[in-house]
Amino acid sequence: MKMFVRIIIVLAAVLMLISVTAGICVVYFIQPTDLRSDWQKPAEQHMARHQHDLQRDRDALLRSFRSAKPHTTLRPESLPESLRVPA
């Protein structure tokens, strides 16, 4: 019975050592991959570059639409730079 308990303890210690070693290898040796698509990166850079203007320009655009006549259209060239989708 004592031998069986010792074997279980040794196996548990070996499994714990293997799992800790594998965790360290994953953290330090495997590079994280960027799962975002290539088209998302320019949009995120654009948002970061114009983060201070976005809310102000959005509110101004909403006010102009609320005061405009029905079926008013807006051309992309007339949008503020912060609200344009980067190409």
PDB file of N, CA and C in Angstrom:
ATOM      1  N   MET A   1       0.825  -1.198   0.000  1.00  0.00           N
ATOM      2  CA  MET A   1       0.000   0.000   0.000  1.00  0.00           C
ATOM      3  C   MET A   1       0.867   1.259   0.000  1.00  0.00           C
ATOM      4  N   LYS A   2       1.947   1.260   0.820  1.00  0.00           N
ATOM      5  CA  LYS A   2       2.836   2.421   0.875  1.00  0.00           C
ATOM      6  C   LYS A   2       3.508   2.644  -0.476  1.00  0.00           C
ATOM      7  N   MET A   3       3.874   1.580  -1.139  1.00  0.00           N
ATOM      8  CA  MET A   3       4.520   1.690  -2.439  1.00  0.00           C
ATOM      9  C   MET A   3       3.552   2.299  -3.466  1.00  0.00           C
ATOM     10  N   PHE A   4       2.287   1.920  -3.406  1.00  0.00           N
ATOM     11  CA  PHE A   4       1.273   2.445  -4.314  1.00  0.00           C
ATOM     12  C   PHE A   4       1.093   3.952  -4.117  1.00  0.00           C
ATOM     13  N   VAL A   5       1.086   4.401  -2.873  1.00  0.00           N
ATOM     14  CA  VAL A   5       0.942   5.831  -2.561  1.00  0.00           C
ATOM     15  C   VAL A   5       2.161   6.594  -3.061  1.00  0.00           C
ATOM     16  N   ARG A   6       3.345   6.039  -2.891  1.00  0.00           N
ATOM     17  CA  ARG A   6       4.561   6.696  -3.362  1.00  0.00           C
ATOM     18  C   ARG A   6       4.565   6.828  -4.885  1.00  0.00           C
ATOM     19  N   ILE A   7       4.116   5.787  -5.565  1.00  0.00           N
ATOM     20  CA  ILE A   7       4.056   5.837  -7.027  1.00  0.00           C
ATOM     21  C   ILE A   7       3.083   6.919  -7.484  1.00  0.00           C
ATOM     22  N   ILE A   8       1.941   7.007  -6.827  1.00  0.00           N
ATOM     23  CA  ILE A   8       0.949   8.042  -7.163  1.00  0.00           C
ATOM     24  C   ILE A   8       1.528   9.437  -6.932  1.00  0.00           C
ATOM     25  N   ILE A   9       2.225   9.627  -5.831  1.00  0.00           N
ATOM     26  CA  ILE A   9       2.821  10.938  -5.519  1.00  0.00           C
ATOM     27  C   ILE A   9       3.891  11.294  -6.546  1.00  0.00           C
ATOM     28  N   VAL A  10       4.723  10.329  -6.900  1.00  0.00           N
ATOM     29  CA  VAL A  10       5.778  10.582  -7.895  1.00  0.00           C
ATOM     30  C   VAL A  10       5.150  10.907  -9.251  1.00  0.00           C
ATOM     31  N   LEU A  11       4.142  10.157  -9.673  1.00  0.00           N
ATOM     32  CA  LEU A  11       3.466  10.434 -10.947  1.00  0.00           C
ATOM     33  C   LEU A  11       2.807  11.816 -10.949  1.00  0.00           C
ATOM     34  N   ALA A  12       2.191  12.189  -9.840  1.00  0.00           N
ATOM     35  CA  ALA A  12       1.577  13.515  -9.744  1.00  0.00           C
ATOM     36  C   ALA A  12       2.630  14.611  -9.834  1.00  0.00           C
ATOM     37  N   ALA A  13       3.765  14.398  -9.180  1.00  0.00           N
ATOM     38  CA  ALA A  13       4.851  15.386  -9.228  1.00  0.00           C
ATOM     39  C   ALA A  13       5.413  15.503 -10.644  1.00  0.00           C
ATOM     40  N   VAL A  14       5.575  14.372 -11.333  1.00  0.00           N
ATOM     41  CA  VAL A  14       6.094  14.401 -12.698  1.00  0.00           C
ATOM     42  C   VAL A  14       5.099  15.112 -13.633  1.00  0.00           C
ATOM     43  N   LEU A  15       3.817  14.811 -13.498  1.00  0.00           N
ATOM     44  CA  LEU A  15       2.799  15.479 -14.331  1.00  0.00           C
ATOM     45  C   LEU A  15       2.760  16.980 -14.056  1.00  0.00           C
ATOM     46  N   MET A  16       2.891  17.367 -12.804  1.00  0.00           N
ATOM     47  CA  MET A  16       2.895  18.787 -12.473  1.00  0.00           C
ATOM     48  C   MET A  16       4.130  19.469 -13.058  1.00  0.00           C
ATOM     49  N   LEU A  17       5.285  18.808 -12.991  1.00  0.00           N
ATOM     50  CA  LEU A  17       6.502  19.366 -13.559  1.00  0.00           C
ATOM     51  C   LEU A  17       6.374  19.522 -15.070  1.00  0.00           C
ATOM     52  N   ILE A  18       5.785  18.540 -15.732  1.00  0.00           N
ATOM     53  CA  ILE A  18       5.587  18.622 -17.181  1.00  0.00           C
ATOM     54  C   ILE A  18       4.633  19.758 -17.536  1.00  0.00           C
ATOM     55  N   SER A  19       3.545  19.904 -16.794  1.00  0.00           N
ATOM     56  CA  SER A  19       2.584  20.970 -17.111  1.00  0.00           C
ATOM     57  C   SER A  19       3.170  22.352 -16.859  1.00  0.00           C
ATOM     58  N   VAL A  20       3.953  22.513 -15.803  1.00  0.00           N
ATOM     59  CA  VAL A  20       4.582  23.813 -15.532  1.00  0.00           C
ATOM     60  C   VAL A  20       5.602  24.132 -16.621  1.00  0.00           C
ATOM     61  N   THR A  21       6.386  23.150 -17.015  1.00  0.00           N
ATOM     62  CA  THR A  21       7.387  23.354 -18.073  1.00  0.00           C
ATOM     63  C   THR A  21       6.709  23.712 -19.392  1.00  0.00           C
ATOM     64  N   ALA A  22       5.617  23.029 -19.716  1.00  0.00           N
ATOM     65  CA  ALA A  22       4.890  23.336 -20.950  1.00  0.00           C
ATOM     66  C   ALA A  22       4.319  24.751 -20.899  1.00  0.00           C
ATOM     67  N   GLY A  23       3.805  25.161 -19.755  1.00  0.00           N
ATOM     68  CA  GLY A  23       3.275  26.520 -19.615  1.00  0.00           C
ATOM     69  C   GLY A  23       4.351  27.572 -19.799  1.00  0.00           C
ATOM     70  N   ILE A  24       5.520  27.329 -19.245  1.00  0.00           N
ATOM     71  CA  ILE A  24       6.636  28.267 -19.405  1.00  0.00           C
ATOM     72  C   ILE A  24       7.062  28.338 -20.865  1.00  0.00           C
ATOM     73  N   CYS A  25       7.104  27.191 -21.526  1.00  0.00           N
ATOM     74  CA  CYS A  25       7.485  27.174 -22.949  1.00  0.00           C
ATOM     75  C   CYS A  25       6.484  27.960 -23.787  1.00  0.00           C
ATOM     76  N   VAL A  26       5.208  27.807 -23.493  1.00  0.00           N
ATOM     77  CA  VAL A  26       4.187  28.526 -24.259  1.00  0.00           C
ATOM     78  C   VAL A  26       4.329  30.024 -24.051  1.00  0.00           C
ATOM     79  N   VAL A  27       4.565  30.443 -22.821  1.00  0.00           N
ATOM     80  CA  VAL A  27       4.641  31.876 -22.526  1.00  0.00           C
ATOM     81  C   VAL A  27       5.886  32.510 -23.136  1.00  0.00           C
ATOM     82  N   TYR A  28       7.026  31.837 -23.069  1.00  0.00           N
ATOM     83  CA  TYR A  28       8.270  32.465 -23.467  1.00  0.00           C
ATOM     84  C   TYR A  28       8.733  32.160 -24.888  1.00  0.00           C
ATOM     85  N   PHE A  29       8.301  31.055 -25.462  1.00  0.00           N
ATOM     86  CA  PHE A  29       8.863  30.666 -26.743  1.00  0.00           C
ATOM     87  C   PHE A  29       7.891  30.718 -27.916  1.00  0.00           C
ATOM     88  N   ILE A  30       6.615  30.747 -27.661  1.00  0.00           N
ATOM     89  CA  ILE A  30       5.653  30.805 -28.753  1.00  0.00           C
ATOM     90  C   ILE A  30       5.196  32.246 -28.909  1.00  0.00           C
ATOM     91  N   GLN A  31       5.403  32.799 -30.095  1.00  0.00           N
ATOM     92  CA  GLN A  31       5.032  34.187 -30.358  1.00  0.00           C
ATOM     93  C   GLN A  31       3.527  34.303 -30.550  1.00  0.00           C
ATOM     94  N   PRO A  32       2.897  35.301 -29.965  1.00  0.00           N
ATOM     95  CA  PRO A  32       1.465  35.477 -30.183  1.00  0.00           C
ATOM     96  C   PRO A  32       1.205  35.889 -31.628  1.00  0.00           C
ATOM     97  N   THR A  33       0.142  35.391 -32.180  1.00  0.00           N
ATOM     98  CA  THR A  33      -0.195  35.734 -33.555  1.00  0.00           C
ATOM     99  C   THR A  33      -1.280  36.797 -33.556  1.00  0.00           C
ATOM    100  N   ASP A  34      -1.219  37.644 -34.530  1.00  0.00           N
ATOM    101  CA  ASP A  34      -2.211  38.694 -34.683  1.00  0.00           C
ATOM    102  C   ASP A  34      -3.330  38.142 -35.554  1.00  0.00           C
ATOM    103  N   LEU A  35      -4.487  37.924 -34.958  1.00  0.00           N
ATOM    104  CA  LEU A  35      -5.592  37.293 -35.669  1.00  0.00           C
ATOM    105  C   LEU A  35      -6.438  38.284 -36.445  1.00  0.00           C
ATOM    106  N   ARG A  36      -6.123  39.556 -36.340  1.00  0.00           N
ATOM    107  CA  ARG A  36      -6.902  40.553 -37.071  1.00  0.00           C
ATOM    108  C   ARG A  36      -6.584  40.480 -38.553  1.00  0.00           C
ATOM    109  N   SER A  37      -7.554  40.802 -39.348  1.00  0.00           N
ATOM    110  CA  SER A  37      -7.350  40.825 -40.793  1.00  0.00           C
ATOM    111  C   SER A  37      -6.518  42.033 -41.178  1.00  0.00           C
ATOM    112  N   ASP A  38      -5.939  41.968 -42.359  1.00  0.00           N
ATOM    113  CA  ASP A  38      -5.124  43.087 -42.832  1.00  0.00           C
ATOM    114  C   ASP A  38      -5.944  44.351 -43.021  1.00  0.00           C
ATOM    115  N   TRP A  39      -7.225  44.220 -43.359  1.00  0.00           N
ATOM    116  CA  TRP A  39      -8.033  45.425 -43.574  1.00  0.00           C
ATOM    117  C   TRP A  39      -8.424  46.081 -42.258  1.00  0.00           C
ATOM    118  N   GLN A  40      -8.331  45.370 -41.127  1.00  0.00           N
ATOM    119  CA  GLN A  40      -8.683  45.966 -39.845  1.00  0.00           C
ATOM    120  C   GLN A  40      -7.572  46.871 -39.313  1.00  0.00           C
ATOM    121  N   LYS A  41      -6.349  46.581 -39.645  1.00  0.00           N
ATOM    122  CA  LYS A  41      -5.233  47.338 -39.083  1.00  0.00           C
ATOM    123  C   LYS A  41      -5.246  48.804 -39.505  1.00  0.00           C
ATOM    124  N   PRO A  42      -5.440  49.151 -40.802  1.00  0.00           N
ATOM    125  CA  PRO A  42      -5.501  50.571 -41.149  1.00  0.00           C
ATOM    126  C   PRO A  42      -6.674  51.286 -40.483  1.00  0.00           C
ATOM    127  N   ALA A  43      -7.801  50.600 -40.339  1.00  0.00           N
ATOM    128  CA  ALA A  43      -8.956  51.229 -39.692  1.00  0.00           C
ATOM    129  C   ALA A  43      -8.650  51.522 -38.225  1.00  0.00           C
ATOM    130  N   GLU A  44      -7.991  50.594 -37.547  1.00  0.00           N
ATOM    131  CA  GLU A  44      -7.640  50.825 -36.150  1.00  0.00           C
ATOM    132  C   GLU A  44      -6.620  51.950 -36.013  1.00  0.00           C
ATOM    133  N   GLN A  45      -5.670  52.020 -36.932  1.00  0.00           N
ATOM    134  CA  GLN A  45      -4.700  53.118 -36.897  1.00  0.00           C
ATOM    135  C   GLN A  45      -5.389  54.453 -37.136  1.00  0.00           C
ATOM    136  N   HIS A  46      -6.346  54.470 -38.060  1.00  0.00           N
ATOM    137  CA  HIS A  46      -7.103  55.690 -38.352  1.00  0.00           C
ATOM    138  C   HIS A  46      -7.892  56.124 -37.113  1.00  0.00           C
ATOM    139  N   MET A  47      -8.546  55.163 -36.453  1.00  0.00           N
ATOM    140  CA  MET A  47      -9.328  55.488 -35.254  1.00  0.00           C
ATOM    141  C   MET A  47      -8.422  56.019 -34.143  1.00  0.00           C
ATOM    142  N   ALA A  48      -7.263  55.436 -33.991  1.00  0.00           N
ATOM    143  CA  ALA A  48      -6.337  55.895 -32.955  1.00  0.00           C
ATOM    144  C   ALA A  48      -5.816  57.288 -33.272  1.00  0.00           C
ATOM    145  N   ARG A  49      -5.573  57.566 -34.558  1.00  0.00           N
ATOM    146  CA  ARG A  49      -5.045  58.865 -34.956  1.00  0.00           C
ATOM    147  C   ARG A  49      -6.082  59.975 -34.757  1.00  0.00           C
ATOM    148  N   HIS A  50      -7.375  59.652 -34.926  1.00  0.00           N
ATOM    149  CA  HIS A  50      -8.438  60.668 -34.844  1.00  0.00           C
ATOM    150  C   HIS A  50      -9.330  60.483 -33.624  1.00  0.00           C
ATOM    151  N   GLN A  51      -8.846  59.850 -32.596  1.00  0.00           N
ATOM    152  CA  GLN A  51      -9.701  59.529 -31.460  1.00  0.00           C
ATOM    153  C   GLN A  51     -10.272  60.762 -30.762  1.00  0.00           C
ATOM    154  N   HIS A  52      -9.577  61.877 -30.802  1.00  0.00           N
ATOM    155  CA  HIS A  52     -10.063  63.076 -30.123  1.00  0.00           C
ATOM    156  C   HIS A  52     -11.100  63.828 -30.954  1.00  0.00           C
ATOM    157  N   ASP A  53     -11.112  63.609 -32.267  1.00  0.00           N
ATOM    158  CA  ASP A  53     -12.036  64.311 -33.146  1.00  0.00           C
ATOM    159  C   ASP A  53     -13.315  63.531 -33.430  1.00  0.00           C
ATOM    160  N   LEU A  54     -13.306  62.230 -33.196  1.00  0.00           N
ATOM    161  CA  LEU A  54     -14.425  61.384 -33.594  1.00  0.00           C
ATOM    162  C   LEU A  54     -15.741  61.798 -32.971  1.00  0.00           C
ATOM    163  N   GLN A  55     -15.779  61.996 -31.681  1.00  0.00           N
ATOM    164  CA  GLN A  55     -17.032  62.319 -31.008  1.00  0.00           C
ATOM    165  C   GLN A  55     -17.558  63.675 -31.443  1.00  0.00           C
ATOM    166  N   ARG A  56     -16.679  64.651 -31.546  1.00  0.00           N
ATOM    167  CA  ARG A  56     -17.106  65.988 -31.949  1.00  0.00           C
ATOM    168  C   ARG A  56     -17.661  65.973 -33.376  1.00  0.00           C
ATOM    169  N   ASP A  57     -16.967  65.305 -34.284  1.00  0.00           N
ATOM    170  CA  ASP A  57     -17.417  65.255 -35.675  1.00  0.00           C
ATOM    171  C   ASP A  57     -18.699  64.439 -35.823  1.00  0.00           C
ATOM    172  N   ARG A  58     -18.819  63.362 -35.057  1.00  0.00           N
ATOM    173  CA  ARG A  58     -20.044  62.559 -35.093  1.00  0.00           C
ATOM    174  C   ARG A  58     -21.245  63.376 -34.633  1.00  0.00           C
ATOM    175  N   ASP A  59     -21.087  64.112 -33.532  1.00  0.00           N
ATOM    176  CA  ASP A  59     -22.191  64.922 -33.021  1.00  0.00           C
ATOM    177  C   ASP A  59     -22.581  66.018 -34.009  1.00  0.00           C
ATOM    178  N   ALA A  60     -21.601  66.642 -34.630  1.00  0.00           N
ATOM    179  CA  ALA A  60     -21.888  67.679 -35.624  1.00  0.00           C
ATOM    180  C   ALA A  60     -22.624  67.093 -36.826  1.00  0.00           C
ATOM    181  N   LEU A  61     -22.225  65.921 -37.252  1.00  0.00           N
ATOM    182  CA  LEU A  61     -22.893  65.269 -38.389  1.00  0.00           C
ATOM    183  C   LEU A  61     -24.333  64.903 -38.035  1.00  0.00           C
ATOM    184  N   LEU A  62     -24.552  64.389 -36.843  1.00  0.00           N
ATOM    185  CA  LEU A  62     -25.917  64.059 -36.419  1.00  0.00           C
ATOM    186  C   LEU A  62     -26.794  65.302 -36.339  1.00  0.00           C
ATOM    187  N   ARG A  63     -26.254  66.402 -35.814  1.00  0.00           N
ATOM    188  CA  ARG A  63     -27.030  67.651 -35.754  1.00  0.00           C
ATOM    189  C   ARG A  63     -27.398  68.142 -37.141  1.00  0.00           C
ATOM    190  N   SER A  64     -26.467  68.027 -38.080  1.00  0.00           N
ATOM    191  CA  SER A  64     -26.766  68.497 -39.440  1.00  0.00           C
ATOM    192  C   SER A  64     -27.817  67.609 -40.101  1.00  0.00           C
ATOM    193  N   PHE A  65     -27.820  66.324 -39.838  1.00  0.00           N
ATOM    194  CA  PHE A  65     -28.844  65.453 -40.406  1.00  0.00           C
ATOM    195  C   PHE A  65     -30.207  65.698 -39.775  1.00  0.00           C
ATOM    196  N   ARG A  66     -30.224  65.984 -38.501  1.00  0.00           N
ATOM    197  CA  ARG A  66     -31.514  66.249 -37.841  1.00  0.00           C
ATOM    198  C   ARG A  66     -32.146  67.534 -38.348  1.00  0.00           C
ATOM    199  N   SER A  67     -31.333  68.490 -38.729  1.00  0.00           N
ATOM    200  CA  SER A  67     -31.882  69.759 -39.212  1.00  0.00           C
ATOM    201  C   SER A  67     -32.053  69.772 -40.733  1.00  0.00           C
ATOM    202  N   ALA A  68     -31.595  68.750 -41.434  1.00  0.00           N
ATOM    203  CA  ALA A  68     -31.679  68.710 -42.897  1.00  0.00           C
ATOM    204  C   ALA A  68     -33.060  68.238 -43.350  1.00  0.00           C
ATOM    205  N   LYS A  69     -33.342  68.481 -44.613  1.00  0.00           N
ATOM    206  CA  LYS A  69     -34.594  68.019 -45.199  1.00  0.00           C
ATOM    207  C   LYS A  69     -34.564  66.492 -45.329  1.00  0.00           C
ATOM    208  N   PRO A  70     -35.753  65.861 -45.368  1.00  0.00           N
ATOM    209  CA  PRO A  70     -35.775  64.399 -45.550  1.00  0.00           C
ATOM    210  C   PRO A  70     -35.125  63.987 -46.869  1.00  0.00           C
ATOM    211  N   HIS A  71     -34.581  62.796 -46.905  1.00  0.00           N
ATOM    212  CA  HIS A  71     -33.924  62.203 -48.071  1.00  0.00           C
ATOM    213  C   HIS A  71     -32.685  62.980 -48.502  1.00  0.00           C
ATOM    214  N   THR A  72     -32.070  63.668 -47.577  1.00  0.00           N
ATOM    215  CA  THR A  72     -30.830  64.366 -47.866  1.00  0.00           C
ATOM    216  C   THR A  72     -29.701  63.339 -47.918  1.00  0.00           C
ATOM    217  N   THR A  73     -28.880  63.441 -48.917  1.00  0.00           N
ATOM    218  CA  THR A  73     -27.745  62.529 -49.033  1.00  0.00           C
ATOM    219  C   THR A  73     -26.453  63.265 -48.707  1.00  0.00           C
ATOM    220  N   LEU A  74     -25.467  62.501 -48.387  1.00  0.00           N
ATOM    221  CA  LEU A  74     -24.175  63.058 -48.012  1.00  0.00           C
ATOM    222  C   LEU A  74     -23.103  62.384 -48.847  1.00  0.00           C
ATOM    223  N   ARG A  75     -22.264  63.159 -49.488  1.00  0.00           N
ATOM    224  CA  ARG A  75     -21.187  62.609 -50.309  1.00  0.00           C
ATOM    225  C   ARG A  75     -20.000  62.287 -49.395  1.00  0.00           C
ATOM    226  N   PRO A  76     -19.289  61.209 -49.684  1.00  0.00           N
ATOM    227  CA  PRO A  76     -18.145  60.836 -48.834  1.00  0.00           C
ATOM    228  C   PRO A  76     -17.074  61.918 -48.753  1.00  0.00           C
ATOM    229  N   GLU A  77     -16.932  62.706 -49.811  1.00  0.00           N
ATOM    230  CA  GLU A  77     -15.911  63.761 -49.790  1.00  0.00           C
ATOM    231  C   GLU A  77     -16.238  64.853 -48.766  1.00  0.00           C
ATOM    232  N   SER A  78     -17.519  65.010 -48.447  1.00  0.00           N
ATOM    233  CA  SER A  78     -17.896  66.081 -47.521  1.00  0.00           C
ATOM    234  C   SER A  78     -17.813  65.647 -46.055  1.00  0.00           C
ATOM    235  N   LEU A  79     -17.505  64.411 -45.815  1.00  0.00           N
ATOM    236  CA  LEU A  79     -17.337  63.953 -44.435  1.00  0.00           C
ATOM    237  C   LEU A  79     -16.048  64.512 -43.844  1.00  0.00           C
ATOM    238  N   PRO A  80     -16.042  64.753 -42.528  1.00  0.00           N
ATOM    239  CA  PRO A  80     -14.793  65.140 -41.884  1.00  0.00           C
ATOM    240  C   PRO A  80     -13.770  63.996 -41.993  1.00  0.00           C
ATOM    241  N   GLU A  81     -12.528  64.326 -41.959  1.00  0.00           N
ATOM    242  CA  GLU A  81     -11.453  63.332 -42.120  1.00  0.00           C
ATOM    243  C   GLU A  81     -11.556  62.213 -41.075  1.00  0.00           C
ATOM    244  N   SER A  82     -11.968  62.547 -39.868  1.00  0.00           N
ATOM    245  CA  SER A  82     -12.025  61.529 -38.823  1.00  0.00           C
ATOM    246  C   SER A  82     -13.109  60.491 -39.065  1.00  0.00           C
ATOM    247  N   LEU A  83     -14.144  60.830 -39.835  1.00  0.00           N
ATOM    248  CA  LEU A  83     -15.254  59.913 -40.085  1.00  0.00           C
ATOM    249  C   LEU A  83     -15.130  59.173 -41.407  1.00  0.00           C
ATOM    250  N   ARG A  84     -14.100  59.436 -42.175  1.00  0.00           N
ATOM    251  CA  ARG A  84     -13.916  58.718 -43.436  1.00  0.00           C
ATOM    252  C   ARG A  84     -13.257  57.372 -43.186  1.00  0.00           C
ATOM    253  N   VAL A  85     -13.690  56.391 -43.960  1.00  0.00           N
ATOM    254  CA  VAL A  85     -13.096  55.056 -43.870  1.00  0.00           C
ATOM    255  C   VAL A  85     -11.821  55.058 -44.676  1.00  0.00           C
ATOM    256  N   PRO A  86     -10.698  54.659 -44.097  1.00  0.00           N
ATOM    257  CA  PRO A  86      -9.450  54.684 -44.860  1.00  0.00           C
ATOM    258  C   PRO A  86      -9.472  53.639 -45.978  1.00  0.00           C
ATOM    259  N   ALA A  87      -8.900  54.008 -47.091  1.00  0.00           N
ATOM    260  CA  ALA A  87      -8.875  53.093 -48.232  1.00  0.00           C
ATOM    261  C   ALA A  87      -7.653  52.210 -48.202  1.00  0.00           C
TER     262      ALA A  87
END
